[in-house]
Every structure is written in C-alpha cells, then in structure tokens.
Amino acid sequence: MILEKSILAVITTNKTKVQGGGAPIFLCEHQNEMDLIAKNLEAILDGIAHSISEDMYIIVKHFE
C-alpha cells in the first residue's frame, strides 16, 4: 500500500466537532489563535493547511 496523503493535525475552536483519532487535535479559544496555529503547524510539519469550515483546519501531508 502506498500512502499518498496523511492528516497530521486538526485545529479547531469547536471541540464538539472532533473526537479522538489518528491525528493530534489542537483546541483554540478563538479564530485568530486557530489561524496562527494552523499557519505555524503548516510550516513546522511541512504540510498544507486546509480550511474545512469556519472553525476547523486540517494539516495534510501530500506524499509523492
């Protein structure tokens, strides 16, 4: 099996939308904090931040 994509992190301000899973979950107090954490994790993890909704981002790593 060849892995093409992987979710590295979930960042949200709404803890009711996420449950335990295979990726770390970062709970934020407000939108600005969520945006900052998503931007920083995107750079640190060498992934891409995708906005799933107004209150959630995921960081995805695309493998070649």
Protein backbone atom coordinates (compact mmCIF):
# COMPACT_ATOMS: atom_id res chain seq x y z
CA MET A 1 0.00 0.00 0.00
CA ILE A 2 1.37 3.41 -0.97
CA LEU A 3 0.42 6.31 1.28
CA GLU A 4 -0.37 9.40 -0.78
CA LYS A 5 -1.84 11.73 1.84
CA SER A 6 -1.92 11.88 5.61
CA ILE A 7 -3.73 14.16 8.08
CA LEU A 8 -1.08 15.39 10.51
CA ALA A 9 -3.18 17.66 12.75
CA VAL A 10 -6.65 19.07 13.36
CA ILE A 11 -7.06 22.64 14.63
CA THR A 12 -10.46 23.85 15.82
CA THR A 13 -12.36 26.25 18.05
CA ASN A 14 -15.30 23.83 18.35
CA LYS A 15 -14.42 20.76 20.40
CA THR A 16 -17.82 19.18 19.74
CA LYS A 17 -16.87 18.62 16.08
CA VAL A 18 -13.83 16.44 16.77
CA GLN A 19 -13.29 13.14 18.51
CA GLY A 20 -10.23 11.05 19.14
CA GLY A 21 -8.44 9.75 16.10
CA GLY A 22 -5.10 9.30 14.48
CA ALA A 23 -4.05 12.96 14.41
CA PRO A 24 -3.35 15.41 17.24
CA ILE A 25 -6.20 17.84 17.94
CA PHE A 26 -5.43 21.46 18.83
CA LEU A 27 -8.30 23.26 20.59
CA CYS A 28 -8.20 27.05 20.29
CA GLU A 29 -10.02 29.81 22.15
CA HIS A 30 -10.77 32.00 19.12
CA GLN A 31 -10.40 32.36 15.35
CA ASN A 32 -7.14 34.36 15.46
CA GLU A 33 -5.44 31.72 17.60
CA MET A 34 -6.68 28.96 15.29
CA ASP A 35 -5.35 30.78 12.20
CA LEU A 36 -1.94 31.33 13.84
CA ILE A 37 -1.58 27.72 14.99
CA ALA A 38 -2.63 26.39 11.57
CA LYS A 39 -0.11 28.66 9.84
CA ASN A 40 2.70 27.65 12.21
CA LEU A 41 1.94 23.92 12.05
CA GLU A 42 1.78 24.11 8.26
CA ALA A 43 5.38 25.36 8.22
CA ILE A 44 6.68 23.14 11.02
CA LEU A 45 5.17 19.92 9.67
CA ASP A 46 5.88 20.75 6.02
CA GLY A 47 2.22 20.18 5.22
CA ILE A 48 -0.66 22.17 3.79
CA ALA A 49 -3.40 23.78 5.90
CA HIS A 50 -6.91 23.21 4.56
CA SER A 51 -9.88 25.11 5.96
CA ILE A 52 -12.66 22.56 6.47
CA SER A 53 -15.13 25.06 7.96
CA GLU A 54 -15.10 28.42 9.71
CA ASP A 55 -13.97 26.72 12.90
CA MET A 56 -11.67 23.94 11.67
CA TYR A 57 -8.42 23.41 9.77
CA ILE A 58 -6.60 20.19 8.98
CA ILE A 59 -2.90 19.93 8.14
CA VAL A 60 -2.31 17.41 5.35
CA LYS A 61 0.97 15.99 4.07
CA HIS A 62 0.92 15.07 0.38
CA PHE A 63 3.48 12.39 -0.49
CA GLU A 64 4.95 11.96 -3.96
